[in-house]
Amino acid sequence: MDFKERKEARIEHYEKYVKGWKNRPCIACNGSGYYDHNGSPRCGSCNGTGKEKYKPNATETTEKTSKTT
């Protein structure tokens, strides 16, 4: 693979899996990464990161653009 083929593959991966996804605090642990504060295990919903990824729907993105204009 030369540079152009790898670049096309990276662009395709970004457009398909990365672009548009955002992070928000995890609902299960409220962003702490743990279920409780007394030595409890890491959150199973977010794997202890405290954040979950979500893809905003089209209405959220259009609201942002209409507010800025």
Protein backbone atom coordinates (compact mmCIF):
# COMPACT_ATOMS: atom_id res chain seq x y z
CA MET A 1 0.00 0.00 0.00
CA ASP A 2 1.29 3.38 -0.84
CA PHE A 3 0.52 6.64 0.94
CA LYS A 4 -2.59 7.52 -1.08
CA GLU A 5 -4.23 4.14 -0.46
CA ARG A 6 -3.56 4.35 3.28
CA LYS A 7 -4.87 7.91 3.36
CA GLU A 8 -8.08 6.87 1.60
CA ALA A 9 -8.51 4.02 4.10
CA ARG A 10 -8.02 6.42 7.04
CA ILE A 11 -10.52 8.89 5.59
CA GLU A 12 -13.06 6.13 5.02
CA HIS A 13 -12.63 4.86 8.60
CA TYR A 14 -13.00 8.38 10.02
CA GLU A 15 -16.12 9.15 8.00
CA LYS A 16 -17.73 5.83 8.94
CA TYR A 17 -16.82 5.38 12.63
CA VAL A 18 -15.46 8.62 14.15
CA LYS A 19 -17.05 11.68 12.58
CA GLY A 20 -19.99 13.13 14.47
CA TRP A 21 -19.66 11.08 17.68
CA LYS A 22 -19.60 13.03 20.94
CA ASN A 23 -18.97 12.25 24.61
CA ARG A 24 -21.32 12.89 27.53
CA PRO A 25 -21.20 11.90 31.19
CA CYS A 26 -22.21 8.32 31.81
CA ILE A 27 -25.77 8.00 33.07
CA ALA A 28 -25.13 4.91 35.20
CA CYS A 29 -22.28 6.36 37.29
CA ASN A 30 -22.95 10.10 36.74
CA GLY A 31 -19.50 10.55 35.23
CA SER A 32 -17.48 9.29 38.20
CA GLY A 33 -16.49 5.96 36.66
CA TYR A 34 -17.57 4.03 39.78
CA TYR A 35 -20.94 2.83 40.97
CA ASP A 36 -20.45 4.20 44.49
CA HIS A 37 -17.81 6.12 46.42
CA ASN A 38 -16.81 3.39 48.92
CA GLY A 39 -14.36 1.22 46.96
CA SER A 40 -16.94 -0.15 44.57
CA PRO A 41 -15.95 -1.62 41.19
CA ARG A 42 -15.61 0.39 38.00
CA CYS A 43 -18.77 1.18 36.11
CA GLY A 44 -19.72 -1.56 33.67
CA SER A 45 -21.61 0.76 31.39
CA CYS A 46 -18.66 3.03 30.55
CA ASN A 47 -15.79 0.72 31.65
CA GLY A 48 -14.70 3.22 34.29
CA THR A 49 -14.12 6.16 31.95
CA GLY A 50 -17.10 8.17 33.17
CA LYS A 51 -18.05 9.04 29.59
CA GLU A 52 -20.22 7.42 27.00
CA LYS A 53 -20.15 8.04 23.27
CA TYR A 54 -23.28 8.95 21.37
CA LYS A 55 -24.08 10.07 17.88
CA PRO A 56 -26.25 13.18 17.89
CA ASN A 57 -29.31 13.07 15.71
CA ALA A 58 -29.85 15.52 12.88
CA THR A 59 -32.04 17.86 14.95
CA GLU A 60 -29.21 18.59 17.43
CA THR A 61 -26.80 19.54 14.68
CA THR A 62 -29.31 21.75 12.88
CA GLU A 63 -30.18 23.54 16.15
CA LYS A 64 -26.52 24.41 16.67
CA THR A 65 -26.13 25.82 13.18
CA SER A 66 -29.32 27.85 13.44
CA LYS A 67 -28.22 29.36 16.78
CA THR A 68 -24.85 30.47 15.41
CA THR A 69 -26.30 32.18 12.34
